[in-house]
Amino acid sequence: MINPRIIDYIFSSASIQRWNDYPRMVELVELDKQAHKFIIAYFIAKLEKDINFTHLIEAGIFEFLRRVVVTDIRPDVFRKALQKKSREINAWVISKLAPSIKDIDNGTFLQKFEEYLSNPEMYKKERFILKAASYLATKWEFSIVYQTSQFLNDIEDVKKSVDEEIEDYYELIGVRKIALNKKLGKIIDLSGRLRFQKRWAQTPRIPETSVLGHMLTVAIFGYFFSLEVNACDKRLQNNFFTALFHDLPEALTRDIITPVKYCVDELSEIIAEYEIEKIQESILPNIPEILHEEFSYILGLYDGIKEEFTNKIKNNGKIEVVEDISKYNIDKYEAIDGLALKQCDKLSAFVEASLSISHGIKSKELINGKKEILKGLKVIQGVDFKAIATQIDYEFGTTGQTQARMDFD
C-alpha cells in the first residue's frame, strides 16, 4: 500500500518552512498549506459542474509531492523556471520520487504521475481549481505574515500582487463566495485555524505536526488504501474526504488526546455530544445548503450520533453500517471504509511518534503512545497496518533512517 520512503517524503513537508524570508508570528509549514488547499479545493469543486473528484485528489497529491521535492525553490521562482525548463524539472522530480512510488498500485500511480507532469491538458479543470485553492490558502497565510512585515520596504508590493491575483479565479463561484467573506469563507477560516493546534501537545516533538496537517496525512493514507483494495471512484473519494475532514470539529472543541477522553466514565460521550452540537451550530449553517447531506455523511453524522470510523453505505438514501464493505464496491452505495480510515489515523499518529523518536526526542509519552498505537493496528481487507508500522519503525531507526537518507540522495 505504502512504504517508509514515501511516508518520509510526505512528513518532511511538516519541516518545510513557508514565508521564511519574512518575520512571522507563527510557524507556517508546507504540510499545513497543502491540507488547507485540499479543503478549499473541495468546496470550490462542489460548486462547479463536471468535476472529477478522483482526478482532483490525484492532481492534488501529484502537486504536493512535486512541491516537497522542489521545496528549496521559492514559489515565484519555481513558476518562472517551469515556464522555461518544465521538462527537465519534472524529469528530475520523477527521478527522485520513482524509487518510493514505483510499486504503488502496481506502477499505475507512477505512470499517472509522469503523464500528469508531462501533459498540462490532463485534469485541466481540476488543475485550475487546485491552483485557485492554492492561491486562497497562500492569501490566508499572507494575512498573517503582513501583520508582522509592514515595516519592510517591499511588503506593499507583495500585498498588491497577492490581492490582484484573485481576479484570475473569479469565474469560480466558490472563489467569489470566499473572497466576499460569505458563509463559506468562515469555514475556510475555521479550517485554517487548525494549523495552530499542535498534535501531541503534552510533549515536544520533531517535526511538530498540526491537526490540519494530520488530517491530510490520514487522507493520503486513505487514498493509498483505496488503491490497494481497488475501491470504486465514489468509495475512494469518500475515503479521502472523510479523512480530510475527520478532525474539523476540533477547530471548535480543540484537540483532546485519547487518554484524557477516556480518563473519566462517559467523558468521551459528552465530548461527542458537544461536537455534534457545535457542528450543527457553527459548521453546517456556513456550508452551502446543497452540500449539507453529503457533508454530514462524510463527517459521520447520522441517527443523532457522530461516528466517522465505521463502515457505512447509502442504500436507497438510507445510511447503513455494514461489516464487509467490499460487497458494496459500487458507486451507487457511496461506501466509506471507516474501519480502515481509523487504522490510517492510528498509522499517522504512529509515524508522528516514530519520526520524533528517530530525531532523538524520546519522551515517555511518545514511547508509550507508540507502543499502544502498535497494539491497536490490525489487518483490514488484506492490508496489514501493523506490518506497515513495523517496517516504518525499522526504517526510521538509526540504521534504517541513515540508509533511507542515503537512498534518497
Protein backbone atom coordinates (compact mmCIF):
# COMPACT_ATOMS: atom_id res chain seq x y z
CA MET A 1 0.00 0.00 0.00
CA ILE A 2 2.67 2.47 1.04
CA ASN A 3 6.30 2.35 2.17
CA PRO A 4 8.51 4.26 4.64
CA ARG A 5 10.27 6.20 1.88
CA ILE A 6 7.16 7.93 0.57
CA ILE A 7 5.93 8.43 4.14
CA ASP A 8 9.20 10.19 4.92
CA TYR A 9 8.64 12.47 1.93
CA ILE A 10 5.09 13.27 3.00
CA PHE A 11 6.04 14.09 6.57
CA SER A 12 9.12 16.06 5.56
CA SER A 13 6.69 18.76 4.45
CA ALA A 14 5.97 19.38 8.15
CA SER A 15 9.53 20.74 8.37
CA ILE A 16 9.38 22.89 5.23
CA GLN A 17 9.07 26.50 6.32
CA ARG A 18 6.91 28.88 4.30
CA TRP A 19 7.45 32.65 4.08
CA ASN A 20 10.83 32.04 5.72
CA ASP A 21 12.24 35.32 4.37
CA TYR A 22 9.60 37.30 6.29
CA PRO A 23 9.00 37.71 10.04
CA ARG A 24 6.08 35.53 11.20
CA MET A 25 4.18 35.49 14.45
CA VAL A 26 3.51 31.75 13.99
CA GLU A 27 5.26 28.93 12.17
CA LEU A 28 3.88 28.28 8.69
CA VAL A 29 4.79 24.95 7.08
CA GLU A 30 4.10 23.30 3.74
CA LEU A 31 2.08 20.34 5.07
CA ASP A 32 -0.48 22.68 6.62
CA LYS A 33 -0.73 24.81 3.49
CA GLN A 34 -1.34 21.71 1.36
CA ALA A 35 -4.05 20.48 3.74
CA HIS A 36 -5.77 23.86 3.69
CA LYS A 37 -5.52 23.87 -0.11
CA PHE A 38 -7.28 20.49 -0.37
CA ILE A 39 -10.11 21.65 1.91
CA ILE A 40 -10.62 24.82 -0.12
CA ALA A 41 -10.48 22.83 -3.38
CA TYR A 42 -13.22 20.50 -2.13
CA PHE A 43 -15.66 23.34 -1.58
CA ILE A 44 -14.78 25.15 -4.81
CA ALA A 45 -15.19 21.95 -6.81
CA LYS A 46 -18.52 21.11 -5.21
CA LEU A 47 -19.96 24.38 -6.53
CA GLU A 48 -18.82 23.68 -10.10
CA LYS A 49 -20.13 21.26 -12.72
CA ASP A 50 -18.49 18.24 -14.36
CA ILE A 51 -15.62 17.92 -11.90
CA ASN A 52 -14.00 14.50 -11.48
CA PHE A 53 -13.13 14.30 -7.80
CA THR A 54 -10.80 11.33 -8.24
CA HIS A 55 -8.81 13.46 -10.67
CA LEU A 56 -8.91 16.36 -8.21
CA ILE A 57 -7.46 14.16 -5.46
CA GLU A 58 -4.78 12.68 -7.71
CA ALA A 59 -3.75 16.04 -9.14
CA GLY A 60 -3.52 17.48 -5.63
CA ILE A 61 -1.31 14.63 -4.44
CA PHE A 62 0.90 14.93 -7.52
CA GLU A 63 1.32 18.67 -6.96
CA PHE A 64 2.04 18.08 -3.28
CA LEU A 65 4.75 15.50 -3.95
CA ARG A 66 6.38 17.70 -6.59
CA ARG A 67 6.37 20.63 -4.17
CA VAL A 68 8.11 18.54 -1.50
CA VAL A 69 10.93 17.72 -3.91
CA VAL A 70 11.44 21.32 -5.13
CA THR A 71 10.96 22.90 -1.72
CA ASP A 72 14.21 24.89 -1.89
CA ILE A 73 12.90 26.93 -4.83
CA ARG A 74 10.72 29.94 -3.97
CA PRO A 75 7.20 29.57 -5.46
CA ASP A 76 7.52 32.60 -7.77
CA VAL A 77 10.94 31.43 -8.97
CA PHE A 78 9.60 27.90 -9.40
CA ARG A 79 6.72 29.09 -11.60
CA LYS A 80 9.17 31.05 -13.72
CA ALA A 81 11.51 28.08 -14.02
CA LEU A 82 8.64 25.80 -15.07
CA GLN A 83 7.85 28.10 -17.98
CA LYS A 84 11.30 27.51 -19.47
CA LYS A 85 12.52 24.21 -18.05
CA SER A 86 9.40 22.23 -17.19
CA ARG A 87 10.53 19.02 -18.91
CA GLU A 88 13.89 18.96 -17.13
CA ILE A 89 12.44 19.88 -13.74
CA ASN A 90 9.66 17.30 -13.97
CA ALA A 91 12.10 14.60 -15.06
CA TRP A 92 14.23 15.37 -12.03
CA VAL A 93 11.19 15.21 -9.72
CA ILE A 94 10.24 11.80 -11.11
CA SER A 95 13.80 10.52 -10.72
CA LYS A 96 13.74 11.48 -7.03
CA LEU A 97 10.30 10.03 -6.30
CA ALA A 98 10.20 6.95 -8.55
CA PRO A 99 12.01 4.58 -6.14
CA SER A 100 9.42 5.45 -3.47
CA ILE A 101 6.26 5.12 -5.54
CA LYS A 102 7.06 2.64 -8.32
CA ASP A 103 5.25 -0.24 -6.60
CA ILE A 104 2.09 1.65 -5.59
CA ASP A 105 -0.98 0.33 -7.41
CA ASN A 106 1.27 -1.97 -9.48
CA GLY A 107 3.06 1.00 -11.03
CA THR A 108 -0.11 2.75 -12.23
CA PHE A 109 0.32 5.61 -9.75
CA LEU A 110 3.80 6.41 -11.10
CA GLN A 111 2.56 6.22 -14.70
CA LYS A 112 -0.23 8.70 -13.97
CA PHE A 113 2.20 10.96 -12.14
CA GLU A 114 4.57 11.03 -15.11
CA GLU A 115 1.72 11.72 -17.52
CA TYR A 116 0.36 14.47 -15.30
CA LEU A 117 3.69 16.29 -15.20
CA SER A 118 4.27 15.97 -18.94
CA ASN A 119 0.75 16.77 -20.16
CA PRO A 120 -0.70 20.13 -18.98
CA GLU A 121 -4.08 19.24 -20.52
CA MET A 122 -4.53 16.26 -18.18
CA TYR A 123 -7.12 17.01 -15.47
CA LYS A 124 -7.36 20.58 -16.79
CA LYS A 125 -10.46 21.69 -14.82
CA GLU A 126 -9.21 20.07 -11.67
CA ARG A 127 -5.79 21.73 -12.05
CA PHE A 128 -7.43 25.14 -12.29
CA ILE A 129 -9.46 24.56 -9.14
CA LEU A 130 -6.34 23.42 -7.28
CA LYS A 131 -4.48 26.49 -8.50
CA ALA A 132 -7.27 28.72 -7.18
CA ALA A 133 -7.32 26.83 -3.87
CA SER A 134 -3.54 27.14 -3.58
CA TYR A 135 -3.81 30.87 -4.12
CA LEU A 136 -6.51 31.26 -1.44
CA ALA A 137 -4.50 29.21 1.05
CA THR A 138 -1.46 31.38 0.33
CA LYS A 139 -3.53 34.55 0.67
CA TRP A 140 -4.77 33.31 4.04
CA GLU A 141 -1.17 32.80 5.16
CA PHE A 142 -0.13 36.20 3.86
CA SER A 143 -2.76 37.90 6.03
CA ILE A 144 -0.71 36.59 8.98
CA VAL A 145 2.68 37.49 7.53
CA TYR A 146 1.51 41.00 6.65
CA GLN A 147 0.80 41.83 10.30
CA THR A 148 4.47 41.48 11.24
CA SER A 149 6.03 42.70 7.99
CA GLN A 150 4.57 46.15 7.43
CA PHE A 151 7.91 47.79 8.21
CA LEU A 152 9.55 46.06 5.20
CA ASN A 153 10.02 48.16 2.06
CA ASP A 154 8.55 45.65 -0.38
CA ILE A 155 5.61 44.35 1.64
CA GLU A 156 3.04 46.62 -0.03
CA ASP A 157 4.17 45.40 -3.45
CA VAL A 158 3.71 41.80 -2.30
CA LYS A 159 0.28 42.65 -0.90
CA LYS A 160 -0.77 44.28 -4.16
CA SER A 161 0.39 41.25 -6.14
CA VAL A 162 -1.45 38.84 -3.84
CA ASP A 163 -4.65 40.90 -3.88
CA GLU A 164 -4.68 41.27 -7.67
CA GLU A 165 -4.20 37.56 -8.41
CA ILE A 166 -7.70 36.73 -7.19
CA GLU A 167 -9.12 38.15 -10.43
CA ASP A 168 -7.64 35.15 -12.26
CA TYR A 169 -10.11 32.86 -10.48
CA TYR A 170 -13.31 34.91 -10.30
CA GLU A 171 -15.02 32.61 -12.79
CA LEU A 172 -15.26 30.04 -9.98
CA ILE A 173 -18.36 30.50 -7.81
CA GLY A 174 -16.61 29.27 -4.66
CA VAL A 175 -13.76 31.74 -5.06
CA ARG A 176 -16.24 34.61 -5.28
CA LYS A 177 -18.05 33.43 -2.16
CA ILE A 178 -14.82 33.09 -0.21
CA ALA A 179 -13.44 36.43 -1.47
CA LEU A 180 -16.62 38.23 -0.39
CA ASN A 181 -16.19 36.66 3.07
CA LYS A 182 -19.57 34.99 2.86
CA LYS A 183 -20.52 31.96 4.96
CA LEU A 184 -18.14 29.67 3.10
CA GLY A 185 -15.27 32.00 3.96
CA LYS A 186 -15.94 31.27 7.63
CA ILE A 187 -15.39 27.54 7.05
CA ILE A 188 -12.14 28.24 5.20
CA ASP A 189 -11.01 30.41 8.10
CA LEU A 190 -12.10 27.84 10.68
CA SER A 191 -10.22 25.02 8.97
CA GLY A 192 -7.11 27.20 8.58
CA ARG A 193 -7.00 27.75 12.31
CA LEU A 194 -6.39 24.04 12.84
CA ARG A 195 -2.76 24.68 11.87
CA PHE A 196 -2.33 26.41 15.24
CA GLN A 197 -3.37 23.32 17.18
CA LYS A 198 -0.40 21.04 17.64
CA ARG A 199 -0.66 17.28 17.88
CA TRP A 200 0.75 15.52 20.97
CA ALA A 201 0.53 18.88 22.72
CA GLN A 202 1.75 17.43 26.02
CA THR A 203 5.23 16.55 24.72
CA PRO A 204 7.91 18.09 22.47
CA ARG A 205 8.29 16.52 19.01
CA ILE A 206 10.37 16.94 15.86
CA PRO A 207 8.84 17.75 13.49
CA GLU A 208 5.77 19.21 15.11
CA THR A 209 2.59 18.46 13.22
CA SER A 210 -0.70 20.30 13.48
CA VAL A 211 -4.22 18.92 13.49
CA LEU A 212 -4.64 20.38 9.99
CA GLY A 213 -1.55 18.64 8.62
CA HIS A 214 -2.54 15.38 10.34
CA MET A 215 -5.90 15.43 8.54
CA LEU A 216 -4.13 15.47 5.18
CA THR A 217 -1.71 12.66 6.03
CA VAL A 218 -4.64 10.45 7.06
CA ALA A 219 -6.45 11.38 3.82
CA ILE A 220 -3.42 10.44 1.71
CA PHE A 221 -3.07 7.13 3.57
CA GLY A 222 -6.79 6.59 2.92
CA TYR A 223 -6.25 7.23 -0.78
CA PHE A 224 -3.42 4.70 -1.00
CA PHE A 225 -5.51 2.16 0.93
CA SER A 226 -8.34 2.70 -1.56
CA LEU A 227 -5.98 1.95 -4.43
CA GLU A 228 -4.78 -1.20 -2.71
CA VAL A 229 -8.31 -2.60 -2.33
CA ASN A 230 -9.40 -1.48 -5.82
CA ALA A 231 -12.08 0.83 -4.45
CA CYS A 232 -14.56 2.28 -6.92
CA ASP A 233 -14.37 6.02 -7.59
CA LYS A 234 -17.04 7.15 -5.13
CA ARG A 235 -15.65 4.96 -2.37
CA LEU A 236 -12.13 6.32 -2.97
CA GLN A 237 -13.39 9.89 -2.94
CA ASN A 238 -15.44 9.38 0.23
CA ASN A 239 -12.49 7.78 1.98
CA PHE A 240 -10.22 10.68 1.12
CA PHE A 241 -12.60 13.45 2.11
CA THR A 242 -13.87 11.69 5.24
CA ALA A 243 -10.26 11.52 6.42
CA LEU A 244 -9.53 15.09 5.29
CA PHE A 245 -12.37 16.47 7.44
CA HIS A 246 -12.33 13.98 10.29
CA ASP A 247 -10.88 16.40 12.84
CA LEU A 248 -12.59 19.57 11.59
CA PRO A 249 -14.79 19.84 14.72
CA GLU A 250 -11.59 20.21 16.76
CA ALA A 251 -11.39 23.76 15.44
CA LEU A 252 -14.30 24.33 17.84
CA THR A 253 -13.50 21.85 20.65
CA ARG A 254 -9.67 21.72 20.48
CA ASP A 255 -7.63 18.53 20.16
CA ILE A 256 -8.32 16.29 23.15
CA ILE A 257 -5.81 13.47 23.48
CA THR A 258 -7.14 9.92 23.79
CA PRO A 259 -6.05 9.26 27.42
CA VAL A 260 -7.94 12.36 28.56
CA LYS A 261 -11.08 11.42 26.61
CA TYR A 262 -11.30 8.08 28.38
CA CYS A 263 -9.99 9.02 31.83
CA VAL A 264 -13.50 9.56 33.20
CA ASP A 265 -16.51 7.33 32.53
CA GLU A 266 -18.77 8.72 29.81
CA LEU A 267 -16.47 11.73 29.18
CA SER A 268 -15.93 10.64 25.56
CA GLU A 269 -19.71 10.52 25.05
CA ILE A 270 -20.11 14.03 26.47
CA ILE A 271 -17.37 15.30 24.14
CA ALA A 272 -19.03 13.59 21.17
CA GLU A 273 -22.38 15.18 22.00
CA TYR A 274 -20.76 18.59 22.26
CA GLU A 275 -19.04 18.09 18.89
CA ILE A 276 -22.39 17.37 17.24
CA GLU A 277 -23.88 20.46 18.84
CA LYS A 278 -21.04 22.67 17.60
CA ILE A 279 -21.15 21.17 14.09
CA GLN A 280 -24.86 21.94 13.86
CA GLU A 281 -24.41 25.45 15.26
CA SER A 282 -21.16 26.66 13.69
CA ILE A 283 -20.29 24.46 10.70
CA LEU A 284 -23.34 23.25 8.80
CA PRO A 285 -25.06 26.69 8.70
CA ASN A 286 -22.00 28.00 6.83
CA ILE A 287 -21.91 25.13 4.32
CA PRO A 288 -23.90 25.64 1.08
CA GLU A 289 -27.28 24.01 1.62
CA ILE A 290 -26.87 21.72 -1.38
CA LEU A 291 -23.89 20.13 0.41
CA HIS A 292 -25.50 19.59 3.83
CA GLU A 293 -26.47 15.96 3.31
CA GLU A 294 -23.18 14.92 1.70
CA PHE A 295 -21.02 16.86 4.16
CA SER A 296 -22.89 15.45 7.16
CA TYR A 297 -22.30 11.97 5.75
CA ILE A 298 -18.53 12.36 5.42
CA LEU A 299 -18.38 13.97 8.87
CA GLY A 300 -20.03 10.82 10.22
CA LEU A 301 -23.32 12.39 11.35
CA TYR A 302 -26.31 10.06 11.24
CA ASP A 303 -29.15 8.99 13.57
CA GLY A 304 -28.17 11.64 16.12
CA ILE A 305 -24.60 10.37 16.56
CA LYS A 306 -21.20 11.18 15.10
CA GLU A 307 -19.05 8.25 14.02
CA GLU A 308 -16.76 8.71 11.06
CA PHE A 309 -14.83 5.50 11.70
CA THR A 310 -17.47 2.88 10.95
CA ASN A 311 -18.04 1.12 7.62
CA LYS A 312 -21.01 2.88 6.05
CA ILE A 313 -23.01 2.78 2.85
CA LYS A 314 -26.09 4.52 1.48
CA ASN A 315 -28.82 2.10 0.46
CA ASN A 316 -31.83 3.76 -1.18
CA GLY A 317 -30.90 7.00 0.52
CA LYS A 318 -30.60 5.46 3.99
CA ILE A 319 -27.27 5.21 5.82
CA GLU A 320 -26.40 1.67 6.92
CA VAL A 321 -23.48 0.36 8.95
CA VAL A 322 -22.03 -2.79 7.37
CA GLU A 323 -19.33 -5.30 8.25
CA ASP A 324 -18.00 -6.35 4.84
CA ILE A 325 -17.65 -3.11 2.89
CA SER A 326 -16.13 -4.92 -0.09
CA LYS A 327 -19.60 -6.23 -1.00
CA TYR A 328 -20.65 -2.66 -1.78
CA ASN A 329 -17.81 -1.58 -4.03
CA ILE A 330 -20.12 0.19 -6.50
CA ASP A 331 -20.52 3.96 -6.80
CA LYS A 332 -24.24 3.91 -6.03
CA TYR A 333 -23.59 2.72 -2.44
CA GLU A 334 -21.25 5.66 -1.67
CA ALA A 335 -19.25 3.41 0.65
CA ILE A 336 -16.88 4.69 3.35
CA ASP A 337 -14.16 2.40 4.78
CA GLY A 338 -14.44 3.77 8.30
CA LEU A 339 -12.56 0.92 9.99
CA ALA A 340 -9.67 1.27 7.55
CA LEU A 341 -9.61 5.06 7.99
CA LYS A 342 -9.30 4.55 11.74
CA GLN A 343 -6.23 2.44 11.03
CA CYS A 344 -4.89 5.21 8.77
CA ASP A 345 -5.47 7.65 11.62
CA LYS A 346 -3.55 5.42 14.02
CA LEU A 347 -0.79 4.85 11.45
CA SER A 348 -0.34 8.61 11.04
CA ALA A 349 -0.02 9.01 14.81
CA PHE A 350 2.48 6.14 14.88
CA VAL A 351 4.60 7.88 12.23
CA GLU A 352 4.46 11.15 14.18
CA ALA A 353 5.85 9.41 17.26
CA SER A 354 8.41 7.32 15.36
CA LEU A 355 9.80 10.27 13.43
CA SER A 356 10.30 12.30 16.57
CA ILE A 357 11.99 9.41 18.35
CA SER A 358 14.28 8.92 15.34
CA HIS A 359 15.30 12.58 15.71
CA GLY A 360 16.25 11.99 19.35
CA ILE A 361 13.13 13.28 21.12
CA LYS A 362 12.23 10.26 23.26
CA SER A 363 9.70 11.35 25.87
CA LYS A 364 7.82 8.66 27.80
CA GLU A 365 4.57 9.92 26.23
CA LEU A 366 5.89 9.25 22.73
CA ILE A 367 7.39 5.86 23.59
CA ASN A 368 4.33 4.62 25.46
CA GLY A 369 1.97 6.16 22.91
CA LYS A 370 3.75 4.41 20.08
CA LYS A 371 3.53 1.05 21.84
CA GLU A 372 -0.19 1.49 22.49
CA ILE A 373 -0.85 2.52 18.89
CA LEU A 374 1.00 -0.54 17.59
CA LYS A 375 -1.22 -2.80 19.70
CA GLY A 376 -4.29 -1.36 18.01
CA LEU A 377 -3.11 -1.83 14.43
CA LYS A 378 -4.59 -4.77 12.52
CA VAL A 379 -5.33 -6.27 9.13
CA ILE A 380 -8.18 -4.64 7.20
CA GLN A 381 -9.25 -6.16 3.87
CA GLY A 382 -5.84 -7.77 3.42
CA VAL A 383 -3.87 -4.62 4.28
CA ASP A 384 -1.67 -5.29 7.32
CA PHE A 385 -1.33 -1.93 9.09
CA LYS A 386 0.77 -3.42 11.88
CA ALA A 387 3.26 -4.78 9.33
CA ILE A 388 3.46 -1.32 7.69
CA ALA A 389 4.11 0.26 11.09
CA THR A 390 6.75 -2.33 11.93
CA GLN A 391 8.54 -1.60 8.66
CA ILE A 392 8.34 2.14 9.38
CA ASP A 393 9.75 1.52 12.86
CA TYR A 394 12.71 -0.33 11.37
CA GLU A 395 13.39 2.21 8.62
CA PHE A 396 13.10 5.18 10.97
CA GLY A 397 15.53 3.59 13.43
CA THR A 398 19.15 4.82 13.40
CA THR A 399 20.35 2.34 10.79
CA GLY A 400 17.16 2.39 8.73
CA GLN A 401 16.94 6.19 8.73
CA THR A 402 20.54 6.55 7.60
CA GLN A 403 20.07 4.04 4.80
CA ALA A 404 16.84 5.71 3.67
CA ARG A 405 18.55 9.09 3.50
CA MET A 406 21.42 7.58 1.51
CA ASP A 407 18.95 6.07 -0.92
CA PHE A 408 17.15 9.39 -1.34
CA ASP A 409 20.43 11.14 -2.12
